[in-house]
C-alpha atoms as a PDB file:
ATOM      1  CA  MET A   1       0.133   0.281   0.435  1.00  0.00           C
ATOM      2  CA  ARG A   2       3.045   2.321   0.568  1.00  0.00           C
ATOM      3  CA  LEU A   3       4.126   2.119  -2.597  1.00  0.00           C
ATOM      4  CA  GLY A   4       1.027   3.977  -4.160  1.00  0.00           C
ATOM      5  CA  ASP A   5       3.088   7.333  -2.845  1.00  0.00           C
ATOM      6  CA  TRP A   6       5.580   8.356  -5.944  1.00  0.00           C
ATOM      7  CA  LYS A   7       6.867  10.534  -2.776  1.00  0.00           C
ATOM      8  CA  ASP A   8       7.730   7.557  -0.418  1.00  0.00           C
ATOM      9  CA  GLN A   9      11.244   7.226  -1.572  1.00  0.00           C
ATOM     10  CA  ARG A  10      12.108   5.289   1.742  1.00  0.00           C
ATOM     11  CA  SER A  11       9.303   2.566   0.622  1.00  0.00           C
ATOM     12  CA  TRP A  12      10.687   2.523  -2.989  1.00  0.00           C
ATOM     13  CA  ASP A  13      14.290   1.913  -1.826  1.00  0.00           C
ATOM     14  CA  GLU A  14      13.053  -0.608   0.284  1.00  0.00           C
ATOM     15  CA  PHE A  15      11.168  -2.364  -2.188  1.00  0.00           C
ATOM     16  CA  TYR A  16      14.225  -2.168  -4.482  1.00  0.00           C
ATOM     17  CA  ARG A  17      16.305  -3.746  -1.885  1.00  0.00           C
ATOM     18  CA  THR A  18      13.938  -6.455  -0.670  1.00  0.00           C
ATOM     19  CA  TYR A  19      13.028  -7.871  -4.319  1.00  0.00           C
ATOM     20  CA  TRP A  20      15.611  -6.827  -7.024  1.00  0.00           C
ATOM     21  CA  ARG A  21      17.834 -10.126  -6.243  1.00  0.00           C
ATOM     22  CA  LEU A  22      14.592 -12.288  -6.749  1.00  0.00           C
ATOM     23  CA  ILE A  23      13.650 -10.750  -9.692  1.00  0.00           C
ATOM     24  CA  TYR A  24      17.276 -11.104 -11.348  1.00  0.00           C
ATOM     25  CA  SER A  25      18.039 -14.468  -9.838  1.00  0.00           C
ATOM     26  CA  VAL A  26      14.794 -15.860 -11.468  1.00  0.00           C
ATOM     27  CA  ALA A  27      15.545 -14.003 -14.512  1.00  0.00           C
ATOM     28  CA  ILE A  28      18.752 -15.540 -14.784  1.00  0.00           C
ATOM     29  CA  LYS A  29      17.962 -19.197 -13.985  1.00  0.00           C
ATOM     30  CA  SER A  30      15.244 -18.632 -16.654  1.00  0.00           C
ATOM     31  CA  GLY A  31      17.457 -18.730 -19.408  1.00  0.00           C
ATOM     32  CA  LEU A  32      18.380 -15.056 -19.556  1.00  0.00           C
ATOM     33  CA  ARG A  33      21.287 -13.454 -20.324  1.00  0.00           C
ATOM     34  CA  GLU A  34      22.621 -10.544 -17.949  1.00  0.00           C
ATOM     35  CA  ASP A  35      21.767  -7.457 -19.753  1.00  0.00           C
ATOM     36  CA  GLU A  36      18.179  -8.910 -20.188  1.00  0.00           C
ATOM     37  CA  ALA A  37      17.973  -9.998 -16.217  1.00  0.00           C
ATOM     38  CA  TRP A  38      18.858  -6.256 -15.670  1.00  0.00           C
ATOM     39  CA  ASP A  39      16.005  -5.042 -18.122  1.00  0.00           C
ATOM     40  CA  VAL A  40      13.584  -7.654 -16.396  1.00  0.00           C
ATOM     41  CA  VAL A  41      14.463  -6.156 -12.944  1.00  0.00           C
ATOM     42  CA  GLN A  42      13.485  -2.557 -14.418  1.00  0.00           C
ATOM     43  CA  GLU A  43      10.886  -3.153 -15.765  1.00  0.00           C
ATOM     44  CA  THR A  44       9.238  -5.374 -13.259  1.00  0.00           C
ATOM     45  CA  VAL A  45       9.922  -2.389 -10.674  1.00  0.00           C
ATOM     46  CA  LEU A  46       8.253   0.312 -13.446  1.00  0.00           C
ATOM     47  CA  THR A  47       5.271  -1.982 -14.142  1.00  0.00           C
ATOM     48  CA  ILE A  48       4.621  -2.218 -10.130  1.00  0.00           C
ATOM     49  CA  ALA A  49       4.972   1.307  -9.974  1.00  0.00           C
ATOM     50  CA  LYS A  50       2.271   1.783 -12.366  1.00  0.00           C
ATOM     51  CA  GLN A  51       0.005  -0.301 -11.451  1.00  0.00           C
ATOM     52  CA  SER A  52       0.768   0.784  -7.491  1.00  0.00           C
ATOM     53  CA  LEU A  53      -0.674   4.047  -8.383  1.00  0.00           C
ATOM     54  CA  ARG A  54      -3.923   2.817 -10.291  1.00  0.00           C
ATOM     55  CA  ASN A  55      -4.335   0.678  -7.051  1.00  0.00           C
ATOM     56  CA  ALA A  56      -3.881  -2.829  -9.124  1.00  0.00           C
ATOM     57  CA  TYR A  57      -2.923  -4.669  -6.492  1.00  0.00           C
ATOM     58  CA  ASP A  58      -6.080  -6.434  -5.057  1.00  0.00           C
ATOM     59  CA  PRO A  59      -4.927  -8.797  -2.100  1.00  0.00           C
ATOM     60  CA  GLU A  60      -8.623  -9.786  -1.901  1.00  0.00           C
ATOM     61  CA  ARG A  61      -7.443 -11.345  -5.282  1.00  0.00           C
ATOM     62  CA  GLY A  62      -4.360 -12.836  -4.482  1.00  0.00           C
ATOM     63  CA  SER A  63      -1.199 -12.444  -2.071  1.00  0.00           C
ATOM     64  CA  PHE A  64       1.539  -9.760  -3.098  1.00  0.00           C
ATOM     65  CA  LYS A  65       4.183 -12.686  -2.861  1.00  0.00           C
ATOM     66  CA  MET A  66       1.836 -13.673  -6.566  1.00  0.00           C
ATOM     67  CA  TRP A  67       1.148 -10.225  -7.598  1.00  0.00           C
ATOM     68  CA  LEU A  68       4.983 -10.073  -8.403  1.00  0.00           C
ATOM     69  CA  TRP A  69       5.621 -13.436  -9.436  1.00  0.00           C
ATOM     70  CA  ASN A  70       3.259 -12.903 -12.237  1.00  0.00           C
ATOM     71  CA  VAL A  71       4.815  -9.225 -13.277  1.00  0.00           C
ATOM     72  CA  THR A  72       8.178 -10.967 -13.253  1.00  0.00           C
ATOM     73  CA  ARG A  73       6.779 -13.665 -15.330  1.00  0.00           C
ATOM     74  CA  TRP A  74       5.531 -11.158 -18.047  1.00  0.00           C
ATOM     75  CA  ARG A  75       8.314  -9.161 -17.879  1.00  0.00           C
ATOM     76  CA  ILE A  76      10.791 -12.366 -18.775  1.00  0.00           C
ATOM     77  CA  ASN A  77       8.290 -13.180 -21.737  1.00  0.00           C
ATOM     78  CA  ASP A  78       8.912  -9.764 -23.058  1.00  0.00           C
ATOM     79  CA  GLN A  79      12.254 -10.609 -23.245  1.00  0.00           C
ATOM     80  CA  PHE A  80      12.013 -13.901 -25.156  1.00  0.00           C
ATOM     81  CA  ARG A  81       9.739 -12.294 -27.273  1.00  0.00           C
ATOM     82  CA  GLN A  82      12.380  -9.634 -28.165  1.00  0.00           C
ATOM     83  CA  ARG A  83      14.550 -12.226 -28.824  1.00  0.00           C
ATOM     84  CA  GLY A  84      12.259 -13.619 -31.523  1.00  0.00           C
ATOM     85  CA  LYS A  85      11.469 -16.606 -30.215  1.00  0.00           C
ATOM     86  CA  ALA A  86       7.578 -17.457 -29.826  1.00  0.00           C
ATOM     87  CA  PRO A  87       6.105 -16.722 -26.275  1.00  0.00           C
ATOM     88  CA  LEU A  88       5.854 -19.926 -23.872  1.00  0.00           C
ATOM     89  CA  PRO A  89       2.724 -21.021 -22.759  1.00  0.00           C
ATOM     90  CA  ALA A  90      -0.284 -19.250 -20.712  1.00  0.00           C
ATOM     91  CA  THR A  91      -0.754 -20.972 -17.558  1.00  0.00           C
ATOM     92  CA  ALA A  92      -4.962 -20.631 -17.434  1.00  0.00           C
ATOM     93  CA  GLY A  93      -6.930 -19.560 -14.194  1.00  0.00           C
ATOM     94  CA  GLU A  94      -4.494 -16.737 -12.907  1.00  0.00           C
ATOM     95  CA  ASN A  95      -5.704 -13.514 -11.151  1.00  0.00           C
ATOM     96  CA  PRO A  96      -7.604 -12.504 -14.534  1.00  0.00           C
ATOM     97  CA  GLY A  97      -7.676  -8.668 -15.218  1.00  0.00           C
ATOM     98  CA  GLN A  98      -4.265  -7.614 -13.597  1.00  0.00           C
ATOM     99  CA  THR A  99      -2.949  -6.881 -17.237  1.00  0.00           C
ATOM    100  CA  THR A 100      -3.935  -8.050 -20.618  1.00  0.00           C
ATOM    101  CA  ARG A 101      -1.355 -10.435 -20.943  1.00  0.00           C
ATOM    102  CA  GLU A 102      -1.594 -14.079 -19.714  1.00  0.00           C
ATOM    103  CA  PRO A 103       1.349 -15.262 -17.688  1.00  0.00           C
ATOM    104  CA  VAL A 104       3.579 -17.683 -18.587  1.00  0.00           C
ATOM    105  CA  ASP A 105       4.444 -21.010 -16.468  1.00  0.00           C
ATOM    106  CA  ASN A 106       6.611 -22.929 -18.122  1.00  0.00           C
ATOM    107  CA  VAL A 107       9.871 -21.067 -18.315  1.00  0.00           C
ATOM    108  CA  PRO A 108      12.623 -23.418 -18.233  1.00  0.00           C
ATOM    109  CA  ASP A 109      16.274 -23.231 -16.680  1.00  0.00           C
ATOM    110  CA  THR A 110      19.059 -25.435 -17.592  1.00  0.00           C
ATOM    111  CA  SER A 111      18.162 -27.854 -14.581  1.00  0.00           C
ATOM    112  CA  GLY A 112      15.138 -28.254 -15.904  1.00  0.00           C
ATOM    113  CA  ASN A 113      12.595 -26.726 -12.983  1.00  0.00           C
ATOM    114  CA  ASN A 114       9.912 -25.069 -13.958  1.00  0.00           C
ATOM    115  CA  PHE A 115       9.269 -21.493 -12.987  1.00  0.00           C
ATOM    116  CA  SER A 116       7.155 -21.990 -10.013  1.00  0.00           C
ATOM    117  CA  GLU A 117       9.745 -24.038  -8.726  1.00  0.00           C
ATOM    118  CA  ILE A 118      12.723 -21.766  -9.768  1.00  0.00           C
ATOM    119  CA  TRP A 119      10.425 -18.727  -8.052  1.00  0.00           C
ATOM    120  CA  GLU A 120       9.919 -20.651  -4.690  1.00  0.00           C
ATOM    121  CA  ARG A 121      13.521 -21.827  -4.299  1.00  0.00           C
ATOM    122  CA  GLU A 122      14.538 -18.127  -5.066  1.00  0.00           C
ATOM    123  CA  TRP A 123      11.746 -16.338  -2.951  1.00  0.00           C
ATOM    124  CA  GLN A 124      13.213 -18.525   0.134  1.00  0.00           C
ATOM    125  CA  GLU A 125      16.668 -17.425  -0.561  1.00  0.00           C
ATOM    126  CA  ASN A 126      15.885 -13.897  -1.200  1.00  0.00           C
ATOM    127  CA  VAL A 127      13.962 -13.902   2.045  1.00  0.00           C
ATOM    128  CA  MET A 128      16.822 -14.741   4.132  1.00  0.00           C
ATOM    129  CA  LYS A 129      18.837 -12.445   1.905  1.00  0.00           C
ATOM    130  CA  ALA A 130      17.035  -9.777   2.523  1.00  0.00           C
ATOM    131  CA  ALA A 131      16.253 -10.272   6.136  1.00  0.00           C
ATOM    132  CA  LEU A 132      20.115 -10.561   6.704  1.00  0.00           C
ATOM    133  CA  GLU A 133      21.047  -7.144   5.078  1.00  0.00           C
ATOM    134  CA  ARG A 134      18.337  -5.264   7.157  1.00  0.00           C
ATOM    135  CA  VAL A 135      20.268  -7.074  10.138  1.00  0.00           C
ATOM    136  CA  LYS A 136      23.613  -5.581   9.068  1.00  0.00           C
ATOM    137  CA  MET A 137      22.020  -2.229   9.140  1.00  0.00           C
ATOM    138  CA  ARG A 138      20.651  -2.846  12.861  1.00  0.00           C
ATOM    139  CA  VAL A 139      23.271  -4.611  14.860  1.00  0.00           C
ATOM    140  CA  SER A 140      26.808  -3.427  15.263  1.00  0.00           C
ATOM    141  CA  PRO A 141      29.299  -4.881  12.640  1.00  0.00           C
ATOM    142  CA  ARG A 142      31.063  -7.650  15.445  1.00  0.00           C
ATOM    143  CA  GLN A 143      28.153  -9.021  16.887  1.00  0.00           C
ATOM    144  CA  PHE A 144      27.090  -9.425  13.119  1.00  0.00           C
ATOM    145  CA  GLN A 145      30.969 -11.247  12.277  1.00  0.00           C
ATOM    146  CA  ILE A 146      30.554 -13.234  15.133  1.00  0.00           C
ATOM    147  CA  PHE A 147      27.024 -14.447  14.590  1.00  0.00           C
ATOM    148  CA  GLU A 148      28.268 -15.052  11.120  1.00  0.00           C
ATOM    149  CA  CYS A 149      31.278 -17.172  11.691  1.00  0.00           C
ATOM    150  CA  ASN A 150      28.935 -18.867  14.262  1.00  0.00           C
ATOM    151  CA  VAL A 151      25.334 -19.147  13.026  1.00  0.00           C
ATOM    152  CA  LEU A 152      25.833 -18.784   9.048  1.00  0.00           C
ATOM    153  CA  GLN A 153      29.235 -20.031   8.327  1.00  0.00           C
ATOM    154  CA  GLY A 154      28.414 -23.096  11.182  1.00  0.00           C
ATOM    155  CA  MET A 155      31.712 -22.506  13.318  1.00  0.00           C
ATOM    156  CA  ASN A 156      31.486 -23.978  16.651  1.00  0.00           C
ATOM    157  CA  ALA A 157      32.352 -21.126  19.755  1.00  0.00           C
ATOM    158  CA  THR A 158      35.287 -22.096  20.726  1.00  0.00           C
ATOM    159  CA  ASP A 159      37.003 -21.799  17.191  1.00  0.00           C
ATOM    160  CA  VAL A 160      34.817 -18.749  16.948  1.00  0.00           C
ATOM    161  CA  ARG A 161      36.616 -17.224  20.657  1.00  0.00           C
ATOM    162  CA  ARG A 162      40.057 -18.129  19.270  1.00  0.00           C
ATOM    163  CA  LEU A 163      39.822 -16.878  15.832  1.00  0.00           C
ATOM    164  CA  LEU A 164      37.616 -13.363  16.775  1.00  0.00           C
ATOM    165  CA  GLY A 165      39.190 -12.901  20.061  1.00  0.00           C
ATOM    166  CA  VAL A 166      36.362 -12.622  21.951  1.00  0.00           C
ATOM    167  CA  SER A 167      34.997 -14.357  25.118  1.00  0.00           C
ATOM    168  CA  MET A 168      32.197 -17.230  24.839  1.00  0.00           C
ATOM    169  CA  THR A 169      29.747 -14.937  26.503  1.00  0.00           C
ATOM    170  CA  GLN A 170      29.884 -12.429  23.369  1.00  0.00           C
ATOM    171  CA  VAL A 171      29.672 -15.473  20.960  1.00  0.00           C
ATOM    172  CA  TYR A 172      26.522 -16.392  23.005  1.00  0.00           C
ATOM    173  CA  LEU A 173      25.237 -13.092  23.293  1.00  0.00           C
ATOM    174  CA  ALA A 174      25.750 -11.935  19.819  1.00  0.00           C
ATOM    175  CA  LYS A 175      23.842 -15.553  18.415  1.00  0.00           C
ATOM    176  CA  HIS A 176      21.383 -14.743  20.943  1.00  0.00           C
ATOM    177  CA  ARG A 177      20.661 -11.454  19.978  1.00  0.00           C
ATOM    178  CA  VAL A 178      20.905 -11.359  16.440  1.00  0.00           C
ATOM    179  CA  GLY A 179      19.731 -14.592  15.674  1.00  0.00           C
ATOM    180  CA  SER A 180      16.373 -12.686  17.338  1.00  0.00           C
ATOM    181  CA  VAL A 181      16.861 -10.102  15.335  1.00  0.00           C
ATOM    182  CA  LEU A 182      17.241 -11.704  12.092  1.00  0.00           C
ATOM    183  CA  LYS A 183      14.089 -13.799  13.287  1.00  0.00           C
ATOM    184  CA  LYS A 184      12.123 -10.513  13.491  1.00  0.00           C
ATOM    185  CA  GLU A 185      12.853  -9.430   9.814  1.00  0.00           C
ATOM    186  CA  ILE A 186      12.032 -12.720   8.717  1.00  0.00           C
ATOM    187  CA  GLU A 187       8.694 -12.157  10.045  1.00  0.00           C
ATOM    188  CA  TYR A 188       8.684  -8.499   8.373  1.00  0.00           C
ATOM    189  CA  ILE A 189       9.122  -9.786   5.163  1.00  0.00           C
ATOM    190  CA  ARG A 190       7.274 -12.677   5.068  1.00  0.00           C
ATOM    191  CA  ALA A 191       3.919 -10.840   6.465  1.00  0.00           C
ATOM    192  CA  GLN A 192       4.564  -8.548   3.376  1.00  0.00           C
ATOM    193  CA  GLU A 193       3.848 -11.263   0.957  1.00  0.00           C
ATOM    194  CA  LYS A 194       0.545 -12.178   1.910  1.00  0.00           C
END
């Protein structure tokens, strides 16, 4: 809802920081080149902006996650069309009325997965990355470094203590404090996908 205000630069910055990696990664894994994937990111954000001004997103018709999914698929399909490839087959029965184009569902990647599988895998990974970026802004660099070594890299507390020259208490406190902030950030991001 905050995206409907063009002047709310903070909300637009937060939206971009949260979702650009997801859109880019899905575009690459769908078979697009790097330059095409960047075009998909820009065109997806622009489409979201235009549709937000018209209040095109309706939570009654589906989740934000699905809306972003559809817009991203349409922009990927646009890139395939620009290459001169025939558009991929449409998926029936999805959020009609949001645009005149029908979304595609069978965009292949090199591993043979379909778009739905790529999107879900990348969505989950993006939630974690976006939450970690937000956590870095909220905790001290030292606490994050301890947390990263202990939790994200899987080092045991004794090794972290030796490597970073901190006490065991600092290791456990960082794990608890940063972990708590991370959990809240993940919940915040997931609440927005509904």
